[in-house]
C-alpha atoms as a PDB file:
ATOM      1  CA  MET A   1       3.381  -9.707 -15.827  1.00  0.00           C
ATOM      2  CA  GLU A   2       3.334  -5.683 -15.256  1.00  0.00           C
ATOM      3  CA  THR A   3       4.389  -4.466 -11.573  1.00  0.00           C
ATOM      4  CA  PHE A   4       2.239  -2.225  -9.818  1.00  0.00           C
ATOM      5  CA  ALA A   5       4.504   1.127 -10.730  1.00  0.00           C
ATOM      6  CA  ASN A   6       3.909  -0.013 -14.543  1.00  0.00           C
ATOM      7  CA  LEU A   7       0.203  -0.375 -13.951  1.00  0.00           C
ATOM      8  CA  ILE A   8      -0.219   2.877 -12.535  1.00  0.00           C
ATOM      9  CA  SER A   9       1.670   5.015 -14.924  1.00  0.00           C
ATOM     10  CA  SER A  10      -0.785   4.819 -17.819  1.00  0.00           C
ATOM     11  CA  PRO A  11      -2.371   7.547 -19.580  1.00  0.00           C
ATOM     12  CA  THR A  12      -5.644   5.880 -19.271  1.00  0.00           C
ATOM     13  CA  PRO A  13      -6.887   6.139 -15.796  1.00  0.00           C
ATOM     14  CA  VAL A  14      -6.362   3.049 -13.714  1.00  0.00           C
ATOM     15  CA  LEU A  15      -9.138   2.266 -10.872  1.00  0.00           C
ATOM     16  CA  VAL A  16      -7.095   0.579  -7.908  1.00  0.00           C
ATOM     17  CA  ASP A  17      -9.416  -1.498  -5.869  1.00  0.00           C
ATOM     18  CA  VAL A  18      -7.323  -2.844  -2.313  1.00  0.00           C
ATOM     19  CA  PHE A  19      -9.427  -5.589  -1.156  1.00  0.00           C
ATOM     20  CA  ALA A  20      -9.281  -8.574   1.072  1.00  0.00           C
ATOM     21  CA  GLU A  21     -10.867 -11.961   0.809  1.00  0.00           C
ATOM     22  CA  TRP A  22     -12.516 -11.678   4.149  1.00  0.00           C
ATOM     23  CA  CYS A  23     -14.367  -8.574   3.501  1.00  0.00           C
ATOM     24  CA  ALA A  24     -17.986  -8.294   3.010  1.00  0.00           C
ATOM     25  CA  PRO A  25     -17.966  -4.662   1.895  1.00  0.00           C
ATOM     26  CA  CYS A  26     -15.202  -5.874  -0.695  1.00  0.00           C
ATOM     27  CA  LYS A  27     -17.643  -8.366  -1.970  1.00  0.00           C
ATOM     28  CA  ILE A  28     -19.913  -5.654  -2.485  1.00  0.00           C
ATOM     29  CA  MET A  29     -17.426  -3.483  -3.981  1.00  0.00           C
ATOM     30  CA  ALA A  30     -16.548  -6.425  -6.511  1.00  0.00           C
ATOM     31  CA  GLY A  31     -20.289  -6.119  -8.082  1.00  0.00           C
ATOM     32  CA  ILE A  32     -19.750  -2.143  -8.250  1.00  0.00           C
ATOM     33  CA  LEU A  33     -16.920  -2.594  -9.804  1.00  0.00           C
ATOM     34  CA  LYS A  34     -17.878  -4.670 -12.669  1.00  0.00           C
ATOM     35  CA  LYS A  35     -20.984  -2.403 -13.392  1.00  0.00           C
ATOM     36  CA  VAL A  36     -18.527   0.748 -13.208  1.00  0.00           C
ATOM     37  CA  LYS A  37     -16.355  -1.296 -15.844  1.00  0.00           C
ATOM     38  CA  GLU A  38     -19.338  -2.095 -18.422  1.00  0.00           C
ATOM     39  CA  THR A  39     -20.061   1.460 -18.438  1.00  0.00           C
ATOM     40  CA  GLN A  40     -16.578   3.029 -18.795  1.00  0.00           C
ATOM     41  CA  GLY A  41     -15.002   0.443 -21.290  1.00  0.00           C
ATOM     42  CA  ASP A  42     -11.614   0.787 -22.372  1.00  0.00           C
ATOM     43  CA  SER A  43     -11.152   4.054 -21.164  1.00  0.00           C
ATOM     44  CA  LEU A  44     -10.478   2.553 -17.971  1.00  0.00           C
ATOM     45  CA  ARG A  45      -8.404   0.068 -16.340  1.00  0.00           C
ATOM     46  CA  ILE A  46      -9.644  -1.422 -13.152  1.00  0.00           C
ATOM     47  CA  ILE A  47      -6.741  -3.692 -10.671  1.00  0.00           C
ATOM     48  CA  LYS A  48      -7.862  -5.321  -7.934  1.00  0.00           C
ATOM     49  CA  ILE A  49      -4.828  -5.602  -5.080  1.00  0.00           C
ATOM     50  CA  ASP A  50      -5.630  -8.258  -2.036  1.00  0.00           C
ATOM     51  CA  ILE A  51      -4.023  -6.161   0.645  1.00  0.00           C
ATOM     52  CA  ASP A  52      -3.145  -9.484   2.288  1.00  0.00           C
ATOM     53  CA  LYS A  53      -1.482 -10.396  -0.460  1.00  0.00           C
ATOM     54  CA  ASN A  54       0.418  -7.291  -1.190  1.00  0.00           C
ATOM     55  CA  MET A  55       1.714  -5.483   2.322  1.00  0.00           C
ATOM     56  CA  ASN A  56       4.094  -3.581   1.096  1.00  0.00           C
ATOM     57  CA  ILE A  57       1.419  -1.879  -1.756  1.00  0.00           C
ATOM     58  CA  ALA A  58      -0.777  -1.017   1.828  1.00  0.00           C
ATOM     59  CA  GLN A  59       2.151  -0.044   3.691  1.00  0.00           C
ATOM     60  CA  HIS A  60       3.390   2.529   1.070  1.00  0.00           C
ATOM     61  CA  TYR A  61       0.190   4.036   0.126  1.00  0.00           C
ATOM     62  CA  ALA A  62      -0.665   3.629   4.413  1.00  0.00           C
ATOM     63  CA  ILE A  63      -4.171   1.716   3.377  1.00  0.00           C
ATOM     64  CA  SER A  64      -5.093   1.178   6.953  1.00  0.00           C
ATOM     65  CA  SER A  65      -8.911  -0.328   5.916  1.00  0.00           C
ATOM     66  CA  VAL A  66     -10.590  -2.457   2.727  1.00  0.00           C
ATOM     67  CA  PRO A  67     -12.295  -1.439   0.645  1.00  0.00           C
ATOM     68  CA  THR A  68      -9.613   1.552  -0.601  1.00  0.00           C
ATOM     69  CA  LEU A  69     -10.162   2.928  -3.894  1.00  0.00           C
ATOM     70  CA  MET A  70      -7.561   4.806  -5.591  1.00  0.00           C
ATOM     71  CA  ILE A  71      -7.662   6.576  -9.353  1.00  0.00           C
ATOM     72  CA  PHE A  72      -3.959   6.950 -10.564  1.00  0.00           C
ATOM     73  CA  LYS A  73      -2.849   8.535 -14.088  1.00  0.00           C
ATOM     74  CA  ASN A  74       0.157   8.279 -15.699  1.00  0.00           C
ATOM     75  CA  GLY A  75       2.008   7.252 -12.037  1.00  0.00           C
ATOM     76  CA  LYS A  76      -0.042   9.990  -9.849  1.00  0.00           C
ATOM     77  CA  GLN A  77      -2.618   9.425  -7.358  1.00  0.00           C
ATOM     78  CA  LEU A  78      -5.757  11.262  -7.882  1.00  0.00           C
ATOM     79  CA  TRP A  79      -8.543  10.349  -5.664  1.00  0.00           C
ATOM     80  CA  ARG A  80      -9.004   8.195  -2.911  1.00  0.00           C
ATOM     81  CA  GLN A  81     -11.847   7.039  -0.767  1.00  0.00           C
ATOM     82  CA  SER A  82     -12.067   3.967   1.601  1.00  0.00           C
ATOM     83  CA  GLY A  83     -15.492   1.780   1.789  1.00  0.00           C
ATOM     84  CA  VAL A  84     -18.574   1.497  -0.650  1.00  0.00           C
ATOM     85  CA  ILE A  85     -19.194   3.715  -3.319  1.00  0.00           C
ATOM     86  CA  GLU A  86     -22.273   3.205  -5.521  1.00  0.00           C
ATOM     87  CA  ALA A  87     -21.824   2.472  -9.185  1.00  0.00           C
ATOM     88  CA  ASN A  88     -23.226   5.765 -10.803  1.00  0.00           C
ATOM     89  CA  GLU A  89     -21.208   7.949  -8.475  1.00  0.00           C
ATOM     90  CA  LEU A  90     -17.815   6.078  -8.809  1.00  0.00           C
ATOM     91  CA  ASN A  91     -18.716   6.507 -12.487  1.00  0.00           C
ATOM     92  CA  LYS A  92     -19.019  10.363 -12.142  1.00  0.00           C
ATOM     93  CA  ILE A  93     -15.473  10.533 -10.248  1.00  0.00           C
ATOM     94  CA  VAL A  94     -13.806   8.583 -13.257  1.00  0.00           C
ATOM     95  CA  GLU A  95     -15.292  10.645 -15.390  1.00  0.00           C
ATOM     96  CA  MET A  96     -13.597  13.656 -13.917  1.00  0.00           C
ATOM     97  CA  PHE A  97     -10.249  12.102 -14.670  1.00  0.00           C
ATOM     98  CA  LYS A  98     -10.070  10.969 -18.170  1.00  0.00           C
END
């Protein structure tokens, strides 16, 4: 299994979705992320991090609300936003970091 540090060090943009099973907006975001993946294909990797099972990542990135989305490339955080974001807007954001 790849570590989080290995996952985000990719030259391909990595969209990290920090979510919780009990979070209603997170469930909405899951469907949106599926649409984004269909549009982006192999040019974007999406990983989901359950905040309740990965408190160390949540603490390291000072995540206090879910969903929180972050884009990493080559190990650097390039973008971050909390809350639900529509697929078309998220696709535009991803395009900026390719």
